C-alpha cells in the first residue's frame, strides 16, 4: 500500500521515472523475495502437504496480480 500511495504522489508531482521505480520495481522486488520465502517455508512444513501447496499457490497468485 505504501508503494501505491508513493506512486500516486510522485505521478501527481510529474516524477514519472521515480514513480515507476517506487511503484513497480520496489514492489515487485519485495514480492519476489516474499514468494521465495514462502516457497522455502512451505517446503519445510511438516504438516499436511495441501496447506503448503495452498500457501505456494496463493503467494504466486498474489505475485501475478501485483505485476499486472
N, C-alpha and C. Protein backbone atom coordinates (compact mmCIF):
# COMPACT_ATOMS: atom_id res chain seq x y z
N UNK A 1 0.82 -1.18 0.00
CA UNK A 1 0.00 0.00 0.00
C UNK A 1 0.88 1.26 0.00
N UNK A 2 1.98 1.18 0.73
CA UNK A 2 2.89 2.33 0.78
C UNK A 2 3.43 2.66 -0.59
N UNK A 3 3.79 1.64 -1.35
CA UNK A 3 4.32 1.91 -2.69
C UNK A 3 3.24 2.48 -3.61
N UNK A 4 2.02 2.05 -3.44
CA UNK A 4 0.92 2.57 -4.27
C UNK A 4 0.68 4.05 -3.99
N UNK A 5 0.65 4.41 -2.73
CA UNK A 5 0.44 5.82 -2.36
C UNK A 5 1.62 6.65 -2.84
N UNK A 6 2.82 6.16 -2.64
CA UNK A 6 4.01 6.88 -3.10
C UNK A 6 3.99 7.06 -4.60
N UNK A 7 3.58 6.01 -5.32
CA UNK A 7 3.47 6.08 -6.77
C UNK A 7 2.53 7.20 -7.20
N UNK A 8 1.37 7.26 -6.59
CA UNK A 8 0.39 8.28 -6.95
C UNK A 8 0.88 9.69 -6.64
N UNK A 9 1.52 9.86 -5.49
CA UNK A 9 2.04 11.18 -5.13
C UNK A 9 3.12 11.60 -6.11
N UNK A 10 4.01 10.69 -6.47
CA UNK A 10 5.08 11.02 -7.41
C UNK A 10 4.54 11.33 -8.80
N UNK A 11 3.54 10.59 -9.24
CA UNK A 11 2.92 10.87 -10.54
C UNK A 11 2.29 12.26 -10.55
N UNK A 12 1.63 12.62 -9.46
CA UNK A 12 0.99 13.94 -9.39
C UNK A 12 2.03 15.06 -9.41
N UNK A 13 3.25 14.76 -8.99
CA UNK A 13 4.33 15.75 -8.99
C UNK A 13 5.21 15.64 -10.23
N UNK A 14 4.73 14.94 -11.26
CA UNK A 14 5.44 14.78 -12.54
C UNK A 14 6.82 14.15 -12.41
N UNK A 15 6.98 13.24 -11.47
CA UNK A 15 8.22 12.47 -11.31
C UNK A 15 7.96 11.05 -11.80
N UNK A 16 7.80 10.90 -13.09
CA UNK A 16 7.33 9.65 -13.69
C UNK A 16 8.31 8.50 -13.50
N UNK A 17 9.59 8.72 -13.79
CA UNK A 17 10.58 7.63 -13.67
C UNK A 17 10.70 7.20 -12.22
N UNK A 18 10.77 8.15 -11.32
CA UNK A 18 10.85 7.82 -9.89
C UNK A 18 9.60 7.06 -9.45
N UNK A 19 8.45 7.47 -9.96
CA UNK A 19 7.20 6.80 -9.63
C UNK A 19 7.21 5.35 -10.10
N UNK A 20 7.74 5.10 -11.29
CA UNK A 20 7.82 3.73 -11.78
C UNK A 20 8.75 2.88 -10.93
N UNK A 21 9.86 3.45 -10.53
CA UNK A 21 10.80 2.70 -9.68
C UNK A 21 10.14 2.36 -8.35
N UNK A 22 9.52 3.35 -7.72
CA UNK A 22 8.88 3.13 -6.42
C UNK A 22 7.68 2.21 -6.56
N UNK A 23 6.86 2.46 -7.55
CA UNK A 23 5.60 1.73 -7.69
C UNK A 23 5.74 0.31 -8.17
N UNK A 24 6.74 0.05 -9.00
CA UNK A 24 6.83 -1.29 -9.57
C UNK A 24 8.11 -2.02 -9.18
N UNK A 25 9.24 -1.41 -9.36
CA UNK A 25 10.49 -2.11 -9.10
C UNK A 25 10.59 -2.52 -7.63
N UNK A 26 10.34 -1.60 -6.72
CA UNK A 26 10.42 -1.94 -5.30
C UNK A 26 9.34 -2.95 -4.90
N UNK A 27 8.15 -2.74 -5.41
CA UNK A 27 7.05 -3.63 -5.08
C UNK A 27 7.28 -5.05 -5.60
N UNK A 28 7.70 -5.16 -6.84
CA UNK A 28 7.94 -6.48 -7.43
C UNK A 28 9.12 -7.17 -6.74
N UNK A 29 10.16 -6.42 -6.44
CA UNK A 29 11.31 -7.00 -5.74
C UNK A 29 10.90 -7.54 -4.37
N UNK A 30 10.16 -6.76 -3.62
CA UNK A 30 9.70 -7.23 -2.32
C UNK A 30 8.85 -8.49 -2.45
N UNK A 31 7.91 -8.48 -3.37
CA UNK A 31 7.03 -9.63 -3.55
C UNK A 31 7.77 -10.86 -4.04
N UNK A 32 8.80 -10.68 -4.84
CA UNK A 32 9.62 -11.80 -5.29
C UNK A 32 10.34 -12.45 -4.10
N UNK A 33 10.91 -11.62 -3.24
CA UNK A 33 11.57 -12.14 -2.04
C UNK A 33 10.56 -12.87 -1.14
N UNK A 34 9.38 -12.29 -0.98
CA UNK A 34 8.35 -12.92 -0.15
C UNK A 34 7.90 -14.25 -0.76
N UNK A 35 7.78 -14.31 -2.08
CA UNK A 35 7.37 -15.54 -2.76
C UNK A 35 8.41 -16.64 -2.55
N UNK A 36 9.68 -16.30 -2.68
CA UNK A 36 10.74 -17.29 -2.46
C UNK A 36 10.72 -17.76 -1.00
N UNK A 37 10.53 -16.82 -0.08
CA UNK A 37 10.48 -17.18 1.34
C UNK A 37 9.33 -18.12 1.67
N UNK A 38 8.16 -17.84 1.12
CA UNK A 38 7.01 -18.71 1.36
C UNK A 38 7.23 -20.08 0.74
N UNK A 39 7.82 -20.10 -0.46
CA UNK A 39 8.10 -21.38 -1.11
C UNK A 39 9.06 -22.24 -0.30
N UNK A 40 10.10 -21.62 0.22
CA UNK A 40 11.06 -22.36 1.05
C UNK A 40 10.42 -22.85 2.35
N UNK A 41 9.65 -21.97 2.98
CA UNK A 41 8.98 -22.35 4.22
C UNK A 41 7.98 -23.48 3.99
N UNK A 42 7.25 -23.41 2.88
CA UNK A 42 6.29 -24.46 2.56
C UNK A 42 7.01 -25.79 2.31
N UNK A 43 8.20 -25.72 1.76
CA UNK A 43 8.97 -26.95 1.55
C UNK A 43 9.40 -27.61 2.84
N UNK A 44 9.55 -26.83 3.89
CA UNK A 44 9.96 -27.37 5.20
C UNK A 44 8.78 -27.69 6.13
N UNK A 45 7.59 -27.32 5.71
CA UNK A 45 6.41 -27.51 6.55
C UNK A 45 6.17 -29.00 6.77
N UNK A 46 5.96 -29.38 8.03
CA UNK A 46 5.81 -30.80 8.37
C UNK A 46 4.36 -31.24 8.54
N UNK A 47 3.43 -30.33 8.36
CA UNK A 47 2.01 -30.67 8.46
C UNK A 47 1.49 -31.26 7.16
N UNK A 48 0.19 -31.12 6.98
CA UNK A 48 -0.43 -31.64 5.75
C UNK A 48 0.11 -30.90 4.53
N UNK A 49 0.44 -31.66 3.51
CA UNK A 49 1.05 -31.10 2.30
C UNK A 49 0.12 -30.12 1.59
N UNK A 50 -1.18 -30.32 1.71
CA UNK A 50 -2.12 -29.44 1.00
C UNK A 50 -2.01 -28.00 1.47
N UNK A 51 -1.68 -27.78 2.76
CA UNK A 51 -1.55 -26.42 3.27
C UNK A 51 -0.29 -25.75 2.71
N UNK A 52 0.77 -26.51 2.59
CA UNK A 52 1.99 -25.97 2.00
C UNK A 52 1.76 -25.62 0.52
N UNK A 53 1.07 -26.51 -0.17
CA UNK A 53 0.77 -26.26 -1.58
C UNK A 53 -0.16 -25.05 -1.74
N UNK A 54 -1.13 -24.92 -0.85
CA UNK A 54 -2.05 -23.79 -0.90
C UNK A 54 -1.30 -22.48 -0.66
N UNK A 55 -0.37 -22.48 0.28
CA UNK A 55 0.44 -21.28 0.55
C UNK A 55 1.22 -20.87 -0.70
N UNK A 56 1.80 -21.84 -1.37
CA UNK A 56 2.55 -21.55 -2.61
C UNK A 56 1.64 -20.97 -3.69
N UNK A 57 0.48 -21.59 -3.87
CA UNK A 57 -0.45 -21.16 -4.91
C UNK A 57 -0.94 -19.73 -4.65
N UNK A 58 -1.33 -19.45 -3.43
CA UNK A 58 -1.83 -18.12 -3.08
C UNK A 58 -0.74 -17.07 -3.24
N UNK A 59 0.48 -17.41 -2.85
CA UNK A 59 1.58 -16.46 -2.97
C UNK A 59 1.92 -16.17 -4.42
N UNK A 60 1.98 -17.18 -5.23
CA UNK A 60 2.26 -16.99 -6.66
C UNK A 60 1.12 -16.20 -7.31
N UNK A 61 -0.10 -16.50 -6.93
CA UNK A 61 -1.25 -15.75 -7.45
C UNK A 61 -1.17 -14.29 -7.09
N UNK A 62 -0.80 -14.00 -5.87
CA UNK A 62 -0.62 -12.61 -5.45
C UNK A 62 0.49 -11.91 -6.21
N UNK A 63 1.55 -12.63 -6.47
CA UNK A 63 2.66 -12.06 -7.24
C UNK A 63 2.22 -11.73 -8.66
N UNK A 64 1.46 -12.61 -9.27
CA UNK A 64 0.97 -12.37 -10.63
C UNK A 64 0.04 -11.16 -10.65
N UNK A 65 -0.83 -11.06 -9.64
CA UNK A 65 -1.73 -9.92 -9.58
C UNK A 65 -0.97 -8.61 -9.37
N UNK A 66 0.13 -8.67 -8.65
CA UNK A 66 0.94 -7.48 -8.39
C UNK A 66 1.61 -6.98 -9.65
N UNK A 67 2.05 -7.87 -10.50
CA UNK A 67 2.77 -7.50 -11.71
C UNK A 67 1.82 -6.88 -12.73
N UNK A 68 0.58 -7.34 -12.76
CA UNK A 68 -0.36 -6.83 -13.77
C UNK A 68 -0.98 -5.53 -13.39
